[in-house]
Structure formats: C-alpha cells, structure tokens
C-alpha cells in the first residue's frame, strides 16, 4: 500500500442469520432446527434461513415451495419486522458506545469507523471482538465482523469466518488478500457479471488486476472504473452516519394472479395505508409516487408521477396510484403490486467529523 494513502479503521458487523436467529431466540423449541422466515405457500418467499436450513440449500429470496422440497423438515414462521427492528436498535446502541460514525445498511448489518473511537482503543480487531461479545451477552445473538482499511474490504472480510467469527485484513495484507480473492466474493460483482468475467478469463482478483482501466471501461461500462480501483485496495468512501432515506415503499404478492384493475383497487388501498403509516412513523413526505407492477410472467413495470407538493396522506397516495394504474392497459395478469414515494422532504444533517490517518508502521489493527 502507498504510504501516503488515506486509511481508516473500518469494521463491518453482520448479524448471523438475523431474522431466523431472532425467532430461535424467542422460541427455544426452534433452536437447532431448520427454519425459514417467510411464506411456505406457492407464492411464499424465504426472507431468511437458519444455518441448519442452509445446509440443505435453502436461502433467502428462494420460493417457499422449493425450499420445502429441499428440506422436508423445514419449519416456516411469519416475519415479525417490529421485533427485528427492536433487537436491531439494541445492537445499534452498542455500536454507539464505541463511535458515532455508524452507517447502518439494514437491520442486521452496519459499518463502523473506529479510527478515532470513544474507548481510545488503538486496535480495531479488539473493538470488533468486544462488540461481538457484548451483542451475545446483552442480546443473545451471534455476529460476525470484518476489519480493514475501507468499507469494501471490511464487508468482504466479514463473510470469511461466519458464523460467529471475524477476520482482520491488515494494511500490509490488503493487496495479497484481494489478489487471491475469488471474483465471486467481490462485493458488487453479481452472478451475471461473474459469468461474464469468467468468459473473459477473470477468475481472481489477480486476473482482474491485470486488466487495464480502458479494458474494464470498455467491457463493464461505468462499473469498470470501480473494479479497477477496488482490486488495488483503493476506496475512499467514508462511513456515512446520517444516510438520507431516498424512498419509502410497500408491496404485496397475491395468492392468485389478478387480471382486472377493478380487483386491484382494494389491494392498492391496503398498500397505500401501509406506505402512509411508514411515512408518518418516519416523519417524512414525498412528491413522486411510483406504482410497481410485477406480471405473472415475472416481467416488471413501473409507472411514476411527480406532484408539485409533498404528500403523506393515504388518500392522496391512493388517488395517485389509481391514476397510474389506469394510465395504460395491463400487459398481463398481475402477481404483485407496490407503491413507493420518493423525492422526499428529508434534509441533510451535519455528520460527525471523520478523520483520515496515513499508513504508519505503528498503525495497529
């Protein structure tokens, strides 16, 4: 690593099978059993799977009926997002004991910048270990962590010793770590991109590093520059403690396909109610209403309308969604409808000062 490259001590904490683990925590009879959070019907989808279920190939976003075939003893439970949010807040409170630079990615994972932390502890690895121990002792759940000089490497590292483990990638180890990394492990490289890279002889970070910026730009578009720098350990993205919400949404998947707009109006009413409730809870309003339509053939369509004023009232959301629904003829029968509000009236808050530290021999991880 270049000695004048800004460097931070970043921890990525990732809860282990969070939703499923909360269910097992609240119901001891479920411990040690294959568990899926989500629906088991023909339209059900797995939101999360316990490690016992994952051994059978069950994973999130999988159809419930397929999961049941892979694991005949699979137990399905309905998600309880209010409970998951409650537990998440307790975990987040632990994070804030160490730093104000906490960037939640979801209920079950977050970045922490501990370069200049509240405990005065120079070791990010020891801080991560202490945080994981506190989560287990105070909440009753296990967490994994990755520790390194930037968010990308920390996130990749957090998946290395799951569950209930951690991995530190020290500054002097960064380049060799990335060169040996399977391209599928690179955060931001999806299944389709990985297949494309394989076809071009790119299997590891070292293979990727040997490609020029021009080559990557030409073959992977805007992402090419990202791949070029990330494989060299270069990422200057700061931990953003005050991430501004850009949209808020709710959607429903139906047990039977709907073929007429008339049948969809009652469904839209319930969805609009939920969006309005979430807006009120978050104390925000928005100008742009988007109607999401997923057809029976799984094709997706969105229709949007931007109003000259902010709204959060359910009747106004519903009226706009109705206009969008009748805007044009449906392409097919519908399996899912969703409503989202964007262009929100959120204001940027001043975030805590974030310091950069140059690489030094005494820099302790």
Protein backbone atom coordinates (compact mmCIF):
# COMPACT_ATOMS: atom_id res chain seq x y z
CA UNK A 1 0.00 0.00 0.00
CA UNK A 2 1.15 3.54 -0.73
CA UNK A 3 2.42 5.24 2.41
CA UNK A 4 0.53 8.45 1.66
CA UNK A 5 -2.85 6.77 1.01
CA UNK A 6 -5.55 7.88 3.47
CA UNK A 7 -6.51 4.95 5.64
CA UNK A 8 -9.22 4.28 8.16
CA UNK A 9 -10.05 1.55 10.64
CA UNK A 10 -13.38 0.18 9.45
CA UNK A 11 -15.45 -2.60 11.00
CA UNK A 12 -18.32 -4.27 9.18
CA UNK A 13 -20.62 -6.07 11.62
CA UNK A 14 -23.02 -8.59 10.11
CA UNK A 15 -25.53 -10.48 12.28
CA UNK A 16 -25.67 -14.24 11.69
CA UNK A 17 -28.95 -15.33 10.02
CA UNK A 18 -30.57 -12.43 11.84
CA UNK A 19 -34.32 -12.95 11.32
CA UNK A 20 -34.09 -16.70 11.84
CA UNK A 21 -31.83 -16.27 14.87
CA UNK A 22 -34.30 -13.87 16.49
CA UNK A 23 -37.06 -16.43 16.02
CA UNK A 24 -34.90 -19.12 17.60
CA UNK A 25 -34.01 -16.75 20.44
CA UNK A 26 -37.67 -16.05 21.21
CA UNK A 27 -38.75 -19.66 20.80
CA UNK A 28 -36.15 -22.10 22.22
CA UNK A 29 -38.06 -25.02 20.67
CA UNK A 30 -36.81 -23.83 17.28
CA UNK A 31 -33.13 -23.88 18.22
CA UNK A 32 -31.07 -26.34 16.24
CA UNK A 33 -33.88 -26.91 13.73
CA UNK A 34 -34.06 -25.94 10.04
CA UNK A 35 -36.05 -22.71 9.98
CA UNK A 36 -37.21 -20.33 7.27
CA UNK A 37 -38.71 -16.92 7.85
CA UNK A 38 -41.31 -16.28 5.17
CA UNK A 39 -44.24 -17.94 3.44
CA UNK A 40 -44.47 -21.61 2.58
CA UNK A 41 -47.28 -21.38 0.03
CA UNK A 42 -46.84 -21.48 -3.71
CA UNK A 43 -46.37 -17.70 -3.69
CA UNK A 44 -44.34 -17.62 -0.48
CA UNK A 45 -40.73 -16.43 -0.46
CA UNK A 46 -37.97 -17.15 2.06
CA UNK A 47 -36.82 -13.92 3.73
CA UNK A 48 -34.13 -15.64 5.81
CA UNK A 49 -32.96 -19.14 6.62
CA UNK A 50 -31.25 -20.57 9.68
CA UNK A 51 -27.85 -22.22 9.25
CA UNK A 52 -29.50 -25.59 9.83
CA UNK A 53 -31.70 -24.91 6.78
CA UNK A 54 -28.85 -23.54 4.69
CA UNK A 55 -27.17 -26.94 4.85
CA UNK A 56 -29.98 -28.19 2.61
CA UNK A 57 -29.54 -25.35 0.12
CA UNK A 58 -32.32 -23.16 1.48
CA UNK A 59 -31.51 -19.45 1.11
CA UNK A 60 -33.14 -16.04 1.11
CA UNK A 61 -35.26 -14.98 -1.89
CA UNK A 62 -35.98 -18.66 -2.68
CA UNK A 63 -39.55 -19.74 -3.37
CA UNK A 64 -41.13 -21.30 -0.30
CA UNK A 65 -42.31 -24.43 -2.12
CA UNK A 66 -38.81 -25.07 -3.48
CA UNK A 67 -37.32 -24.61 0.00
CA UNK A 68 -39.79 -27.15 1.38
CA UNK A 69 -38.73 -29.67 -1.29
CA UNK A 70 -35.04 -29.20 -0.48
CA UNK A 71 -35.68 -29.58 3.24
CA UNK A 72 -38.82 -31.63 4.07
CA UNK A 73 -38.48 -30.85 7.79
CA UNK A 74 -38.24 -27.11 7.22
CA UNK A 75 -40.22 -25.01 9.68
CA UNK A 76 -41.77 -21.80 8.33
CA UNK A 77 -42.50 -18.80 10.54
CA UNK A 78 -44.02 -15.49 9.57
CA UNK A 79 -41.68 -12.48 9.74
CA UNK A 80 -42.05 -10.05 12.66
CA UNK A 81 -40.31 -6.92 11.46
CA UNK A 82 -41.24 -4.85 14.51
CA UNK A 83 -39.43 -7.39 16.69
CA UNK A 84 -36.40 -7.42 14.38
CA UNK A 85 -36.31 -3.62 14.48
CA UNK A 86 -36.49 -3.68 18.28
CA UNK A 87 -33.50 -6.03 18.50
CA UNK A 88 -31.62 -4.04 15.86
CA UNK A 89 -31.94 -0.86 17.94
CA UNK A 90 -30.37 -2.63 20.93
CA UNK A 91 -27.45 -3.77 18.80
CA UNK A 92 -27.03 -0.32 17.31
CA UNK A 93 -26.91 1.19 20.81
CA UNK A 94 -23.85 -0.99 21.48
CA UNK A 95 -22.18 0.37 18.35
CA UNK A 96 -22.66 3.95 19.54
CA UNK A 97 -20.76 3.16 22.74
CA UNK A 98 -17.66 2.95 20.54
CA UNK A 99 -18.19 5.52 17.79
CA UNK A 100 -20.72 7.96 16.39
CA UNK A 101 -19.60 7.01 12.89
CA UNK A 102 -22.10 4.18 12.36
CA UNK A 103 -23.65 3.56 8.95
CA UNK A 104 -26.49 1.01 9.09
CA UNK A 105 -27.02 -0.87 5.82
CA UNK A 106 -30.08 -2.75 7.07
CA UNK A 107 -31.46 -4.08 10.35
CA UNK A 108 -28.71 -6.69 10.56
CA UNK A 109 -25.51 -5.02 9.34
CA UNK A 110 -23.57 -1.79 9.68
CA UNK A 111 -20.22 -0.12 9.08
CA UNK A 112 -18.32 1.44 11.99
CA UNK A 113 -15.38 3.81 11.68
CA UNK A 114 -13.28 3.31 14.83
CA UNK A 115 -10.18 5.18 13.66
CA UNK A 116 -10.78 7.68 16.47
CA UNK A 117 -13.08 5.80 18.85
CA UNK A 118 -14.67 6.64 22.21
CA UNK A 119 -12.75 3.92 24.05
CA UNK A 120 -9.34 5.15 22.96
CA UNK A 121 -8.54 1.60 21.86
CA UNK A 122 -5.96 1.52 19.03
CA UNK A 123 -6.96 -2.00 17.95
CA UNK A 124 -9.98 -2.24 15.65
CA UNK A 125 -9.75 -6.04 15.92
CA UNK A 126 -10.13 -5.94 19.70
CA UNK A 127 -13.01 -3.49 19.42
CA UNK A 128 -14.80 -5.82 16.97
CA UNK A 129 -14.26 -8.76 19.32
CA UNK A 130 -15.63 -6.77 22.27
CA UNK A 131 -18.67 -5.64 20.29
CA UNK A 132 -19.47 -9.20 19.24
CA UNK A 133 -19.13 -10.41 22.83
CA UNK A 134 -21.45 -7.68 24.06
CA UNK A 135 -24.07 -8.49 21.41
CA UNK A 136 -24.02 -12.11 22.54
CA UNK A 137 -24.11 -11.34 26.27
CA UNK A 138 -26.64 -8.48 26.13
CA UNK A 139 -28.87 -9.55 23.25
CA UNK A 140 -28.30 -13.29 22.96
CA UNK A 141 -27.32 -13.40 19.27
CA UNK A 142 -24.07 -14.00 17.43
CA UNK A 143 -22.46 -11.64 14.95
CA UNK A 144 -19.55 -11.79 12.53
CA UNK A 145 -17.19 -8.95 11.66
CA UNK A 146 -14.67 -7.87 9.07
CA UNK A 147 -11.96 -5.33 9.87
CA UNK A 148 -9.79 -3.45 7.40
CA UNK A 149 -8.79 -0.11 5.88
CA UNK A 150 -12.00 0.56 3.92
CA UNK A 151 -15.65 -0.43 3.70
CA UNK A 152 -15.27 -2.78 0.72
CA UNK A 153 -12.59 -4.98 2.27
CA UNK A 154 -14.28 -4.96 5.68
CA UNK A 155 -17.53 -6.18 4.15
CA UNK A 156 -15.83 -8.94 2.19
CA UNK A 157 -13.86 -9.99 5.28
CA UNK A 158 -16.99 -10.22 7.48
CA UNK A 159 -18.20 -13.16 5.42
CA UNK A 160 -14.97 -15.14 5.86
CA UNK A 161 -15.45 -16.73 9.28
CA UNK A 162 -19.22 -16.86 9.51
CA UNK A 163 -21.00 -17.64 11.71
CA UNK A 164 -19.75 -16.08 14.95
CA UNK A 165 -16.27 -15.15 13.77
CA UNK A 166 -14.21 -12.27 12.47
CA UNK A 167 -11.37 -11.58 10.08
CA UNK A 168 -8.89 -8.73 10.00
CA UNK A 169 -7.13 -7.68 6.80
CA UNK A 170 -4.17 -5.56 7.90
CA UNK A 171 -2.87 -2.75 5.65
CA UNK A 172 0.15 -4.75 4.51
CA UNK A 173 -2.10 -7.74 3.67
CA UNK A 174 -4.65 -5.87 1.55
CA UNK A 175 -3.12 -6.39 -1.90
CA UNK A 176 -2.37 -10.09 -1.47
CA UNK A 177 -5.84 -10.63 0.05
CA UNK A 178 -7.54 -9.04 -2.93
CA UNK A 179 -5.33 -10.81 -5.49
CA UNK A 180 -6.23 -14.23 -4.08
CA UNK A 181 -9.94 -13.43 -3.75
CA UNK A 182 -12.39 -15.34 -5.96
CA UNK A 183 -14.10 -12.81 -8.21
CA UNK A 184 -17.48 -14.02 -6.92
CA UNK A 185 -16.52 -12.74 -3.47
CA UNK A 186 -16.09 -9.18 -4.68
CA UNK A 187 -18.90 -7.06 -3.28
CA UNK A 188 -20.69 -5.55 -6.27
CA UNK A 189 -19.98 -8.44 -8.63
CA UNK A 190 -23.26 -10.27 -9.16
CA UNK A 191 -23.92 -13.64 -10.76
CA UNK A 192 -24.31 -12.26 -14.29
CA UNK A 193 -21.15 -10.14 -14.06
CA UNK A 194 -19.20 -13.04 -12.58
CA UNK A 195 -20.18 -15.23 -15.52
CA UNK A 196 -19.10 -12.52 -17.93
CA UNK A 197 -15.75 -12.20 -16.15
CA UNK A 198 -15.26 -15.97 -16.27
CA UNK A 199 -15.79 -15.91 -20.02
CA UNK A 200 -13.02 -13.31 -20.27
CA UNK A 201 -10.61 -15.33 -18.13
CA UNK A 202 -11.08 -13.31 -14.95
CA UNK A 203 -11.39 -15.70 -12.01
CA UNK A 204 -9.49 -14.00 -9.19
CA UNK A 205 -8.54 -10.54 -8.04
CA UNK A 206 -5.12 -11.03 -9.63
CA UNK A 207 -6.75 -11.73 -13.00
CA UNK A 208 -8.85 -8.60 -12.62
CA UNK A 209 -5.84 -6.52 -11.61
CA UNK A 210 -4.04 -7.42 -14.82
CA UNK A 211 -6.75 -5.77 -16.92
CA UNK A 212 -6.26 -2.13 -17.88
CA UNK A 213 -8.67 0.64 -16.97
CA UNK A 214 -9.51 1.04 -20.66
CA UNK A 215 -10.30 -2.67 -20.98
CA UNK A 216 -12.58 -2.66 -17.92
CA UNK A 217 -14.34 0.52 -19.04
CA UNK A 218 -14.90 -0.97 -22.46
CA UNK A 219 -16.24 -4.31 -21.21
CA UNK A 220 -18.04 -3.37 -17.98
CA UNK A 221 -19.16 0.21 -18.56
CA UNK A 222 -19.41 2.50 -15.54
CA UNK A 223 -18.55 -0.37 -13.18
CA UNK A 224 -15.19 -0.89 -14.89
CA UNK A 225 -13.55 2.02 -13.08
CA UNK A 226 -14.92 0.74 -9.77
CA UNK A 227 -13.39 -2.72 -10.37
CA UNK A 228 -10.08 -1.19 -11.42
CA UNK A 229 -9.60 0.74 -8.20
CA UNK A 230 -11.21 -1.66 -5.76
CA UNK A 231 -8.88 -4.53 -6.67
CA UNK A 232 -6.00 -2.19 -5.82
CA UNK A 233 -7.45 -1.53 -2.38
CA UNK A 234 -8.47 1.99 -3.29
CA UNK A 235 -11.83 3.10 -1.91
CA UNK A 236 -12.27 6.49 -0.28
CA UNK A 237 -15.95 6.15 0.62
CA UNK A 238 -16.48 7.35 4.18
CA UNK A 239 -18.78 5.78 6.75
CA UNK A 240 -21.93 7.88 6.46
CA UNK A 241 -23.72 8.04 9.82
CA UNK A 242 -26.62 10.11 8.52
CA UNK A 243 -27.73 8.26 5.43
CA UNK A 244 -30.68 10.13 3.99
CA UNK A 245 -33.67 7.97 3.11
CA UNK A 246 -34.39 8.40 -0.60
CA UNK A 247 -37.65 6.47 -0.83
CA UNK A 248 -40.21 4.54 1.17
CA UNK A 249 -42.31 1.69 -0.17
CA UNK A 250 -44.67 -1.21 0.48
CA UNK A 251 -45.77 -4.06 -1.77
CA UNK A 252 -47.91 -7.18 -1.77
CA UNK A 253 -47.64 -10.51 -3.61
CA UNK A 254 -51.04 -12.10 -4.26
CA UNK A 255 -52.00 -15.73 -3.72
CA UNK A 256 -53.78 -15.67 -7.10
CA UNK A 257 -52.98 -13.59 -10.15
CA UNK A 258 -55.24 -10.58 -10.67
CA UNK A 259 -56.45 -9.89 -14.20
CA UNK A 260 -58.52 -6.72 -13.81
CA UNK A 261 -57.72 -3.25 -12.48
CA UNK A 262 -61.00 -3.32 -10.56
CA UNK A 263 -59.80 -6.28 -8.49
CA UNK A 264 -56.59 -4.42 -7.71
CA UNK A 265 -58.14 -1.30 -6.20
CA UNK A 266 -58.82 -2.87 -2.80
CA UNK A 267 -55.26 -4.22 -2.73
CA UNK A 268 -53.88 -0.78 -3.53
CA UNK A 269 -55.89 0.71 -0.66
CA UNK A 270 -54.14 -1.56 1.86
CA UNK A 271 -50.73 -0.86 0.31
CA UNK A 272 -51.35 2.90 0.40
CA UNK A 273 -52.35 2.59 4.08
CA UNK A 274 -49.05 0.88 4.84
CA UNK A 275 -46.99 3.45 2.91
CA UNK A 276 -48.77 6.28 4.73
CA UNK A 277 -48.16 4.62 8.09
CA UNK A 278 -44.45 4.26 7.36
CA UNK A 279 -44.21 7.86 6.18
CA UNK A 280 -45.86 9.08 9.36
CA UNK A 281 -43.59 6.95 11.50
CA UNK A 282 -40.51 8.28 9.68
CA UNK A 283 -41.90 11.86 9.75
CA UNK A 284 -41.35 12.37 6.02
CA UNK A 285 -43.41 13.10 2.92
CA UNK A 286 -42.71 12.77 -0.78
CA UNK A 287 -43.59 14.21 -4.18
CA UNK A 288 -43.02 11.26 -6.54
CA UNK A 289 -45.40 8.28 -6.42
CA UNK A 290 -44.31 5.11 -8.22
CA UNK A 291 -46.56 2.15 -8.92
CA UNK A 292 -44.72 -1.15 -9.24
CA UNK A 293 -46.38 -3.94 -11.21
CA UNK A 294 -44.99 -7.45 -11.48
CA UNK A 295 -46.81 -9.60 -14.02
CA UNK A 296 -47.47 -13.33 -13.91
CA UNK A 297 -44.57 -13.88 -16.32
CA UNK A 298 -42.32 -12.05 -13.78
CA UNK A 299 -41.74 -9.03 -16.02
CA UNK A 300 -41.64 -5.80 -14.06
CA UNK A 301 -43.14 -2.41 -14.90
CA UNK A 302 -43.08 0.89 -13.02
CA UNK A 303 -45.21 3.97 -13.56
CA UNK A 304 -44.39 7.26 -11.81
CA UNK A 305 -45.94 10.66 -11.26
CA UNK A 306 -44.33 13.67 -9.58
CA UNK A 307 -46.66 16.09 -7.79
CA UNK A 308 -45.97 19.80 -7.21
CA UNK A 309 -46.26 19.30 -3.44
CA UNK A 310 -45.27 16.81 -0.72
CA UNK A 311 -47.82 14.21 0.36
CA UNK A 312 -48.08 11.56 3.08
CA UNK A 313 -51.85 11.20 3.40
CA UNK A 314 -53.09 7.73 2.42
CA UNK A 315 -56.00 9.06 0.34
CA UNK A 316 -53.71 11.23 -1.79
CA UNK A 317 -51.24 8.37 -2.22
CA UNK A 318 -54.08 6.04 -3.23
CA UNK A 319 -55.60 8.54 -5.68
CA UNK A 320 -52.25 8.99 -7.42
CA UNK A 321 -51.65 5.23 -7.51
CA UNK A 322 -55.10 4.74 -9.06
CA UNK A 323 -54.28 7.25 -11.78
CA UNK A 324 -51.09 5.33 -12.53
CA UNK A 325 -52.92 2.01 -12.56
CA UNK A 326 -55.43 3.23 -15.16
CA UNK A 327 -52.76 5.13 -17.08
CA UNK A 328 -52.41 2.32 -19.61
CA UNK A 329 -53.64 -1.19 -20.23
CA UNK A 330 -52.07 -4.02 -18.26
CA UNK A 331 -49.74 -6.31 -20.19
CA UNK A 332 -50.77 -9.49 -18.40
CA UNK A 333 -52.30 -10.76 -15.18
CA UNK A 334 -50.60 -9.36 -12.07
CA UNK A 335 -48.92 -11.18 -9.19
CA UNK A 336 -47.54 -8.20 -7.27
CA UNK A 337 -48.33 -4.53 -6.71
CA UNK A 338 -46.25 -1.98 -4.87
CA UNK A 339 -46.34 1.74 -4.12
CA UNK A 340 -43.30 3.86 -3.30
CA UNK A 341 -42.77 7.52 -2.51
CA UNK A 342 -39.52 9.23 -3.43
CA UNK A 343 -38.28 12.79 -3.81
CA UNK A 344 -38.72 13.05 -0.04
CA UNK A 345 -38.51 16.19 2.09
CA UNK A 346 -35.55 14.88 4.04
CA UNK A 347 -32.82 17.31 4.93
CA UNK A 348 -29.10 16.61 5.04
CA UNK A 349 -27.77 16.67 8.57
CA UNK A 350 -24.26 17.63 9.51
CA UNK A 351 -22.33 14.45 10.17
CA UNK A 352 -19.57 13.98 12.77
CA UNK A 353 -16.08 14.89 11.64
CA UNK A 354 -14.26 11.94 10.12
CA UNK A 355 -10.51 11.76 10.25
CA UNK A 356 -8.05 10.12 7.90
CA UNK A 357 -4.81 8.60 9.07
CA UNK A 358 -1.75 7.85 6.95
CA UNK A 359 -0.32 4.34 6.96
CA UNK A 360 2.42 4.00 9.55
CA UNK A 361 4.34 1.04 10.91
CA UNK A 362 2.74 1.50 14.32
CA UNK A 363 -0.79 1.59 12.88
CA UNK A 364 -2.47 -1.14 14.90
CA UNK A 365 -5.35 -3.26 13.66
